[in-house]
mmCIF file of all heavy atoms, coordinates in Angstrom:
data_MODEL
# 
_entry.id   MODEL 
# 
loop_
_atom_site.group_PDB 
_atom_site.id 
_atom_site.type_symbol 
_atom_site.label_atom_id 
_atom_site.label_alt_id 
_atom_site.label_comp_id 
_atom_site.label_asym_id 
_atom_site.label_entity_id 
_atom_site.label_seq_id 
_atom_site.pdbx_PDB_ins_code 
_atom_site.Cartn_x 
_atom_site.Cartn_y 
_atom_site.Cartn_z 
_atom_site.occupancy 
_atom_site.B_iso_or_equiv 
_atom_site.pdbx_formal_charge 
_atom_site.auth_seq_id 
_atom_site.auth_comp_id 
_atom_site.auth_asym_id 
_atom_site.auth_atom_id 
_atom_site.pdbx_PDB_model_num 
ATOM 1   N N   . VAL A 1 1  ? 9.126   -14.059 0.970  1.00 0.00 ? 1  VAL A N   1 
ATOM 2   C CA  . VAL A 1 1  ? 8.835   -12.558 0.672  1.00 0.00 ? 1  VAL A CA  1 
ATOM 3   C C   . VAL A 1 1  ? 9.641   -11.779 1.539  1.00 0.00 ? 1  VAL A C   1 
ATOM 4   O O   . VAL A 1 1  ? 9.679   -11.939 2.841  1.00 0.00 ? 1  VAL A O   1 
ATOM 5   C CB  . VAL A 1 1  ? 7.420   -12.362 0.903  1.00 0.00 ? 1  VAL A CB  1 
ATOM 6   C CG1 . VAL A 1 1  ? 7.120   -10.854 0.682  1.00 0.00 ? 1  VAL A CG1 1 
ATOM 7   C CG2 . VAL A 1 1  ? 6.550   -13.199 0.004  1.00 0.00 ? 1  VAL A CG2 1 
ATOM 8   N N   . GLN A 1 2  ? 10.430  -10.881 0.946  1.00 0.00 ? 2  GLN A N   1 
ATOM 9   C CA  . GLN A 1 2  ? 11.348  -9.924  1.624  1.00 0.00 ? 2  GLN A CA  1 
ATOM 10  C C   . GLN A 1 2  ? 10.750  -8.586  1.957  1.00 0.00 ? 2  GLN A C   1 
ATOM 11  O O   . GLN A 1 2  ? 11.045  -7.960  3.011  1.00 0.00 ? 2  GLN A O   1 
ATOM 12  C CB  . GLN A 1 2  ? 12.688  -9.867  0.929  1.00 0.00 ? 2  GLN A CB  1 
ATOM 13  C CG  . GLN A 1 2  ? 13.461  -11.042 0.739  1.00 0.00 ? 2  GLN A CG  1 
ATOM 14  C CD  . GLN A 1 2  ? 14.746  -10.923 0.002  1.00 0.00 ? 2  GLN A CD  1 
ATOM 15  O OE1 . GLN A 1 2  ? 15.823  -10.871 0.591  1.00 0.00 ? 2  GLN A OE1 1 
ATOM 16  N NE2 . GLN A 1 2  ? 14.582  -10.737 -1.296 1.00 0.00 ? 2  GLN A NE2 1 
ATOM 17  N N   . LEU A 1 3  ? 9.792   -8.183  1.101  1.00 0.00 ? 3  LEU A N   1 
ATOM 18  C CA  . LEU A 1 3  ? 9.009   -6.995  1.257  1.00 0.00 ? 3  LEU A CA  1 
ATOM 19  C C   . LEU A 1 3  ? 7.513   -7.122  1.051  1.00 0.00 ? 3  LEU A C   1 
ATOM 20  O O   . LEU A 1 3  ? 7.133   -7.743  0.040  1.00 0.00 ? 3  LEU A O   1 
ATOM 21  C CB  . LEU A 1 3  ? 9.528   -5.808  0.377  1.00 0.00 ? 3  LEU A CB  1 
ATOM 22  C CG  . LEU A 1 3  ? 11.013  -5.441  0.394  1.00 0.00 ? 3  LEU A CG  1 
ATOM 23  C CD1 . LEU A 1 3  ? 11.226  -4.359  -0.667 1.00 0.00 ? 3  LEU A CD1 1 
ATOM 24  C CD2 . LEU A 1 3  ? 11.316  -4.929  1.772  1.00 0.00 ? 3  LEU A CD2 1 
ATOM 25  N N   . VAL A 1 4  ? 6.724   -6.820  2.029  1.00 0.00 ? 4  VAL A N   1 
ATOM 26  C CA  . VAL A 1 4  ? 5.280   -7.017  1.906  1.00 0.00 ? 4  VAL A CA  1 
ATOM 27  C C   . VAL A 1 4  ? 4.562   -5.714  1.732  1.00 0.00 ? 4  VAL A C   1 
ATOM 28  O O   . VAL A 1 4  ? 4.661   -4.960  2.615  1.00 0.00 ? 4  VAL A O   1 
ATOM 29  C CB  . VAL A 1 4  ? 4.702   -7.880  3.131  1.00 0.00 ? 4  VAL A CB  1 
ATOM 30  C CG1 . VAL A 1 4  ? 3.286   -8.064  2.995  1.00 0.00 ? 4  VAL A CG1 1 
ATOM 31  C CG2 . VAL A 1 4  ? 5.440   -9.121  3.248  1.00 0.00 ? 4  VAL A CG2 1 
ATOM 32  N N   . GLU A 1 5  ? 3.764   -5.553  0.614  1.00 0.00 ? 5  GLU A N   1 
ATOM 33  C CA  . GLU A 1 5  ? 3.077   -4.277  0.308  1.00 0.00 ? 5  GLU A CA  1 
ATOM 34  C C   . GLU A 1 5  ? 1.684   -4.448  0.598  1.00 0.00 ? 5  GLU A C   1 
ATOM 35  O O   . GLU A 1 5  ? 1.140   -5.548  0.394  1.00 0.00 ? 5  GLU A O   1 
ATOM 36  C CB  . GLU A 1 5  ? 3.417   -3.905  -1.210 1.00 0.00 ? 5  GLU A CB  1 
ATOM 37  C CG  . GLU A 1 5  ? 4.864   -3.715  -1.449 1.00 0.00 ? 5  GLU A CG  1 
ATOM 38  C CD  . GLU A 1 5  ? 5.159   -3.959  -2.895 1.00 0.00 ? 5  GLU A CD  1 
ATOM 39  O OE1 . GLU A 1 5  ? 4.517   -4.863  -3.577 1.00 0.00 ? 5  GLU A OE1 1 
ATOM 40  O OE2 . GLU A 1 5  ? 5.961   -3.146  -3.463 1.00 0.00 ? 5  GLU A OE2 1 
ATOM 41  N N   . SER A 1 6  ? 1.028   -3.469  0.982  1.00 0.00 ? 6  SER A N   1 
ATOM 42  C CA  . SER A 1 6  ? -0.424  -3.337  1.176  1.00 0.00 ? 6  SER A CA  1 
ATOM 43  C C   . SER A 1 6  ? -0.920  -2.057  0.847  1.00 0.00 ? 6  SER A C   1 
ATOM 44  O O   . SER A 1 6  ? -0.224  -1.035  1.062  1.00 0.00 ? 6  SER A O   1 
ATOM 45  C CB  . SER A 1 6  ? -0.800  -3.932  2.452  1.00 0.00 ? 6  SER A CB  1 
ATOM 46  O OG  . SER A 1 6  ? -0.346  -3.071  3.443  1.00 0.00 ? 6  SER A OG  1 
ATOM 47  N N   . GLY A 1 7  ? -2.294  -1.891  0.639  1.00 0.00 ? 7  GLY A N   1 
ATOM 48  C CA  . GLY A 1 7  ? -2.888  -0.621  0.544  1.00 0.00 ? 7  GLY A CA  1 
ATOM 49  C C   . GLY A 1 7  ? -3.378  -0.121  -0.797 1.00 0.00 ? 7  GLY A C   1 
ATOM 50  O O   . GLY A 1 7  ? -4.047  0.862   -0.926 1.00 0.00 ? 7  GLY A O   1 
ATOM 51  N N   . GLY A 1 8  ? -2.975  -0.911  -1.849 1.00 0.00 ? 8  GLY A N   1 
ATOM 52  C CA  . GLY A 1 8  ? -3.430  -0.540  -3.118 1.00 0.00 ? 8  GLY A CA  1 
ATOM 53  C C   . GLY A 1 8  ? -4.869  -0.698  -3.364 1.00 0.00 ? 8  GLY A C   1 
ATOM 54  O O   . GLY A 1 8  ? -5.553  -1.419  -2.597 1.00 0.00 ? 8  GLY A O   1 
ATOM 55  N N   . GLY A 1 9  ? -5.407  -0.149  -4.427 1.00 0.00 ? 9  GLY A N   1 
ATOM 56  C CA  . GLY A 1 9  ? -6.839  -0.254  -4.680 1.00 0.00 ? 9  GLY A CA  1 
ATOM 57  C C   . GLY A 1 9  ? -7.272  0.804   -5.681 1.00 0.00 ? 9  GLY A C   1 
ATOM 58  O O   . GLY A 1 9  ? -6.572  1.482   -6.423 1.00 0.00 ? 9  GLY A O   1 
ATOM 59  N N   . LEU A 1 10 ? -8.610  0.874   -5.765 1.00 0.00 ? 10 LEU A N   1 
ATOM 60  C CA  . LEU A 1 10 ? -9.383  1.848   -6.557 1.00 0.00 ? 10 LEU A CA  1 
ATOM 61  C C   . LEU A 1 10 ? -9.861  3.021   -5.815 1.00 0.00 ? 10 LEU A C   1 
ATOM 62  O O   . LEU A 1 10 ? -10.599 2.861   -4.774 1.00 0.00 ? 10 LEU A O   1 
ATOM 63  C CB  . LEU A 1 10 ? -10.492 1.076   -7.331 1.00 0.00 ? 10 LEU A CB  1 
ATOM 64  C CG  . LEU A 1 10 ? -11.367 1.979   -8.272 1.00 0.00 ? 10 LEU A CG  1 
ATOM 65  C CD1 . LEU A 1 10 ? -10.508 2.579   -9.391 1.00 0.00 ? 10 LEU A CD1 1 
ATOM 66  C CD2 . LEU A 1 10 ? -12.519 1.109   -8.796 1.00 0.00 ? 10 LEU A CD2 1 
ATOM 67  N N   . VAL A 1 11 ? -9.656  4.227   -6.360 1.00 0.00 ? 11 VAL A N   1 
ATOM 68  C CA  . VAL A 1 11 ? -10.158 5.343   -5.642 1.00 0.00 ? 11 VAL A CA  1 
ATOM 69  C C   . VAL A 1 11 ? -10.539 6.504   -6.619 1.00 0.00 ? 11 VAL A C   1 
ATOM 70  O O   . VAL A 1 11 ? -9.948  6.468   -7.804 1.00 0.00 ? 11 VAL A O   1 
ATOM 71  C CB  . VAL A 1 11 ? -9.058  5.944   -4.625 1.00 0.00 ? 11 VAL A CB  1 
ATOM 72  C CG1 . VAL A 1 11 ? -7.856  6.435   -5.388 1.00 0.00 ? 11 VAL A CG1 1 
ATOM 73  C CG2 . VAL A 1 11 ? -9.711  7.069   -3.781 1.00 0.00 ? 11 VAL A CG2 1 
ATOM 74  N N   . GLN A 1 12 ? -11.479 7.275   -6.334 1.00 0.00 ? 12 GLN A N   1 
ATOM 75  C CA  . GLN A 1 12 ? -11.883 8.313   -7.251 1.00 0.00 ? 12 GLN A CA  1 
ATOM 76  C C   . GLN A 1 12 ? -10.925 9.607   -7.135 1.00 0.00 ? 12 GLN A C   1 
ATOM 77  O O   . GLN A 1 12 ? -10.264 9.705   -6.166 1.00 0.00 ? 12 GLN A O   1 
ATOM 78  C CB  . GLN A 1 12 ? -13.327 8.891   -6.843 1.00 0.00 ? 12 GLN A CB  1 
ATOM 79  C CG  . GLN A 1 12 ? -14.337 7.841   -7.132 1.00 0.00 ? 12 GLN A CG  1 
ATOM 80  C CD  . GLN A 1 12 ? -15.733 8.316   -6.782 1.00 0.00 ? 12 GLN A CD  1 
ATOM 81  O OE1 . GLN A 1 12 ? -15.979 9.584   -6.400 1.00 0.00 ? 12 GLN A OE1 1 
ATOM 82  N NE2 . GLN A 1 12 ? -16.829 7.596   -7.083 1.00 0.00 ? 12 GLN A NE2 1 
ATOM 83  N N   . ALA A 1 13 ? -10.847 10.259  -8.234 1.00 0.00 ? 13 ALA A N   1 
ATOM 84  C CA  . ALA A 1 13 ? -10.021 11.455  -8.306 1.00 0.00 ? 13 ALA A CA  1 
ATOM 85  C C   . ALA A 1 13 ? -10.354 12.358  -7.074 1.00 0.00 ? 13 ALA A C   1 
ATOM 86  O O   . ALA A 1 13 ? -11.540 12.568  -6.775 1.00 0.00 ? 13 ALA A O   1 
ATOM 87  C CB  . ALA A 1 13 ? -10.111 12.252  -9.530 1.00 0.00 ? 13 ALA A CB  1 
ATOM 88  N N   . GLY A 1 14 ? -9.242  12.916  -6.524 1.00 0.00 ? 14 GLY A N   1 
ATOM 89  C CA  . GLY A 1 14 ? -9.494  13.772  -5.287 1.00 0.00 ? 14 GLY A CA  1 
ATOM 90  C C   . GLY A 1 14 ? -9.421  13.007  -3.987 1.00 0.00 ? 14 GLY A C   1 
ATOM 91  O O   . GLY A 1 14 ? -9.365  13.585  -2.894 1.00 0.00 ? 14 GLY A O   1 
ATOM 92  N N   . GLY A 1 15 ? -9.493  11.776  -4.188 1.00 0.00 ? 15 GLY A N   1 
ATOM 93  C CA  . GLY A 1 15 ? -9.522  10.858  -2.821 1.00 0.00 ? 15 GLY A CA  1 
ATOM 94  C C   . GLY A 1 15 ? -8.140  10.531  -2.389 1.00 0.00 ? 15 GLY A C   1 
ATOM 95  O O   . GLY A 1 15 ? -7.133  11.020  -2.817 1.00 0.00 ? 15 GLY A O   1 
ATOM 96  N N   . SER A 1 16 ? -8.107  9.739   -1.291 1.00 0.00 ? 16 SER A N   1 
ATOM 97  C CA  . SER A 1 16 ? -6.812  9.460   -0.570 1.00 0.00 ? 16 SER A CA  1 
ATOM 98  C C   . SER A 1 16 ? -6.655  7.898   -0.446 1.00 0.00 ? 16 SER A C   1 
ATOM 99  O O   . SER A 1 16 ? -7.578  7.146   -0.517 1.00 0.00 ? 16 SER A O   1 
ATOM 100 C CB  . SER A 1 16 ? -6.824  10.008  0.787  1.00 0.00 ? 16 SER A CB  1 
ATOM 101 O OG  . SER A 1 16 ? -6.923  11.441  0.741  1.00 0.00 ? 16 SER A OG  1 
ATOM 102 N N   . LEU A 1 17 ? -5.345  7.541   -0.361 1.00 0.00 ? 17 LEU A N   1 
ATOM 103 C CA  . LEU A 1 17 ? -5.011  6.223   -0.289 1.00 0.00 ? 17 LEU A CA  1 
ATOM 104 C C   . LEU A 1 17 ? -3.692  6.092   0.496  1.00 0.00 ? 17 LEU A C   1 
ATOM 105 O O   . LEU A 1 17 ? -2.885  7.027   0.484  1.00 0.00 ? 17 LEU A O   1 
ATOM 106 C CB  . LEU A 1 17 ? -4.851  5.445   -1.598 1.00 0.00 ? 17 LEU A CB  1 
ATOM 107 C CG  . LEU A 1 17 ? -5.152  4.019   -1.664 1.00 0.00 ? 17 LEU A CG  1 
ATOM 108 C CD1 . LEU A 1 17 ? -6.574  3.612   -1.381 1.00 0.00 ? 17 LEU A CD1 1 
ATOM 109 C CD2 . LEU A 1 17 ? -4.848  3.645   -3.148 1.00 0.00 ? 17 LEU A CD2 1 
ATOM 110 N N   . ARG A 1 18 ? -3.522  4.937   1.353  1.00 0.00 ? 18 ARG A N   1 
ATOM 111 C CA  . ARG A 1 18 ? -2.249  4.906   2.029  1.00 0.00 ? 18 ARG A CA  1 
ATOM 112 C C   . ARG A 1 18 ? -1.708  3.525   1.627  1.00 0.00 ? 18 ARG A C   1 
ATOM 113 O O   . ARG A 1 18 ? -2.368  2.400   1.785  1.00 0.00 ? 18 ARG A O   1 
ATOM 114 C CB  . ARG A 1 18 ? -2.514  4.904   3.522  1.00 0.00 ? 18 ARG A CB  1 
ATOM 115 C CG  . ARG A 1 18 ? -1.220  4.789   4.345  1.00 0.00 ? 18 ARG A CG  1 
ATOM 116 C CD  . ARG A 1 18 ? -1.510  5.175   5.785  1.00 0.00 ? 18 ARG A CD  1 
ATOM 117 N NE  . ARG A 1 18 ? -2.112  4.042   6.443  1.00 0.00 ? 18 ARG A NE  1 
ATOM 118 C CZ  . ARG A 1 18 ? -2.125  3.837   7.837  1.00 0.00 ? 18 ARG A CZ  1 
ATOM 119 N NH1 . ARG A 1 18 ? -1.673  4.849   8.603  1.00 0.00 ? 18 ARG A NH1 1 
ATOM 120 N NH2 . ARG A 1 18 ? -2.802  2.899   8.356  1.00 0.00 ? 18 ARG A NH2 1 
ATOM 121 N N   . LEU A 1 19 ? -0.425  3.564   1.255  1.00 0.00 ? 19 LEU A N   1 
ATOM 122 C CA  . LEU A 1 19 ? 0.363   2.336   1.003  1.00 0.00 ? 19 LEU A CA  1 
ATOM 123 C C   . LEU A 1 19 ? 1.354   2.045   2.178  1.00 0.00 ? 19 LEU A C   1 
ATOM 124 O O   . LEU A 1 19 ? 1.901   3.048   2.797  1.00 0.00 ? 19 LEU A O   1 
ATOM 125 C CB  . LEU A 1 19 ? 1.177   2.534   -0.222 1.00 0.00 ? 19 LEU A CB  1 
ATOM 126 C CG  . LEU A 1 19 ? 0.435   2.866   -1.486 1.00 0.00 ? 19 LEU A CG  1 
ATOM 127 C CD1 . LEU A 1 19 ? 1.336   2.919   -2.637 1.00 0.00 ? 19 LEU A CD1 1 
ATOM 128 C CD2 . LEU A 1 19 ? -0.759  1.886   -1.829 1.00 0.00 ? 19 LEU A CD2 1 
ATOM 129 N N   . SER A 1 20 ? 1.527   0.833   2.421  1.00 0.00 ? 20 SER A N   1 
ATOM 130 C CA  . SER A 1 20 ? 2.494   0.479   3.425  1.00 0.00 ? 20 SER A CA  1 
ATOM 131 C C   . SER A 1 20 ? 3.346   -0.685  2.943  1.00 0.00 ? 20 SER A C   1 
ATOM 132 O O   . SER A 1 20 ? 2.910   -1.480  2.159  1.00 0.00 ? 20 SER A O   1 
ATOM 133 C CB  . SER A 1 20 ? 1.798   0.005   4.800  1.00 0.00 ? 20 SER A CB  1 
ATOM 134 O OG  . SER A 1 20 ? 1.034   -1.105  4.597  1.00 0.00 ? 20 SER A OG  1 
ATOM 135 N N   . CYS A 1 21 ? 4.558   -0.802  3.537  1.00 0.00 ? 21 CYS A N   1 
ATOM 136 C CA  . CYS A 1 21 ? 5.507   -1.829  3.099  1.00 0.00 ? 21 CYS A CA  1 
ATOM 137 C C   . CYS A 1 21 ? 6.284   -2.259  4.347  1.00 0.00 ? 21 CYS A C   1 
ATOM 138 O O   . CYS A 1 21 ? 6.816   -1.411  5.064  1.00 0.00 ? 21 CYS A O   1 
ATOM 139 C CB  . CYS A 1 21 ? 6.320   -1.347  2.036  1.00 0.00 ? 21 CYS A CB  1 
ATOM 140 S SG  . CYS A 1 21 ? 7.671   -2.501  1.545  1.00 0.00 ? 21 CYS A SG  1 
ATOM 141 N N   . ALA A 1 22 ? 6.353   -3.567  4.635  1.00 0.00 ? 22 ALA A N   1 
ATOM 142 C CA  . ALA A 1 22 ? 7.068   -3.981  5.753  1.00 0.00 ? 22 ALA A CA  1 
ATOM 143 C C   . ALA A 1 22 ? 8.271   -4.852  5.280  1.00 0.00 ? 22 ALA A C   1 
ATOM 144 O O   . ALA A 1 22 ? 8.051   -5.805  4.472  1.00 0.00 ? 22 ALA A O   1 
ATOM 145 C CB  . ALA A 1 22 ? 6.161   -4.962  6.640  1.00 0.00 ? 22 ALA A CB  1 
ATOM 146 N N   . ALA A 1 23 ? 9.481   -4.619  5.750  1.00 0.00 ? 23 ALA A N   1 
ATOM 147 C CA  . ALA A 1 23 ? 10.589  -5.399  5.442  1.00 0.00 ? 23 ALA A CA  1 
ATOM 148 C C   . ALA A 1 23 ? 10.735  -6.619  6.220  1.00 0.00 ? 23 ALA A C   1 
ATOM 149 O O   . ALA A 1 23 ? 10.353  -6.665  7.449  1.00 0.00 ? 23 ALA A O   1 
ATOM 150 C CB  . ALA A 1 23 ? 11.903  -4.516  5.519  1.00 0.00 ? 23 ALA A CB  1 
ATOM 151 N N   . SER A 1 24 ? 11.300  -7.715  5.692  1.00 0.00 ? 24 SER A N   1 
ATOM 152 C CA  . SER A 1 24 ? 11.537  -8.913  6.421  1.00 0.00 ? 24 SER A CA  1 
ATOM 153 C C   . SER A 1 24 ? 12.359  -8.697  7.673  1.00 0.00 ? 24 SER A C   1 
ATOM 154 O O   . SER A 1 24 ? 13.290  -7.800  7.591  1.00 0.00 ? 24 SER A O   1 
ATOM 155 C CB  . SER A 1 24 ? 12.237  -9.892  5.495  1.00 0.00 ? 24 SER A CB  1 
ATOM 156 O OG  . SER A 1 24 ? 12.789  -11.088 6.181  1.00 0.00 ? 24 SER A OG  1 
ATOM 157 N N   . ARG A 1 25 ? 12.240  -9.454  8.694  1.00 0.00 ? 25 ARG A N   1 
ATOM 158 C CA  . ARG A 1 25 ? 13.007  -9.348  9.861  1.00 0.00 ? 25 ARG A CA  1 
ATOM 159 C C   . ARG A 1 25 ? 14.547  -9.616  9.612  1.00 0.00 ? 25 ARG A C   1 
ATOM 160 O O   . ARG A 1 25 ? 15.359  -9.208  10.329 1.00 0.00 ? 25 ARG A O   1 
ATOM 161 C CB  . ARG A 1 25 ? 12.520  -10.326 10.970 1.00 0.00 ? 25 ARG A CB  1 
ATOM 162 C CG  . ARG A 1 25 ? 11.126  -9.965  11.447 1.00 0.00 ? 25 ARG A CG  1 
ATOM 163 C CD  . ARG A 1 25 ? 10.532  -10.986 12.490 1.00 0.00 ? 25 ARG A CD  1 
ATOM 164 N NE  . ARG A 1 25 ? 11.431  -11.041 13.666 1.00 0.00 ? 25 ARG A NE  1 
ATOM 165 C CZ  . ARG A 1 25 ? 11.400  -12.094 14.617 1.00 0.00 ? 25 ARG A CZ  1 
ATOM 166 N NH1 . ARG A 1 25 ? 10.461  -13.012 14.435 1.00 0.00 ? 25 ARG A NH1 1 
ATOM 167 N NH2 . ARG A 1 25 ? 12.169  -12.039 15.612 1.00 0.00 ? 25 ARG A NH2 1 
# 
């Protein structure tokens, strides 16, 4: 894996969410 994503999910309208992605060394 060259890019690792995290933070997706289910949220209600008006809510907040944070996505992150880490690149391979």
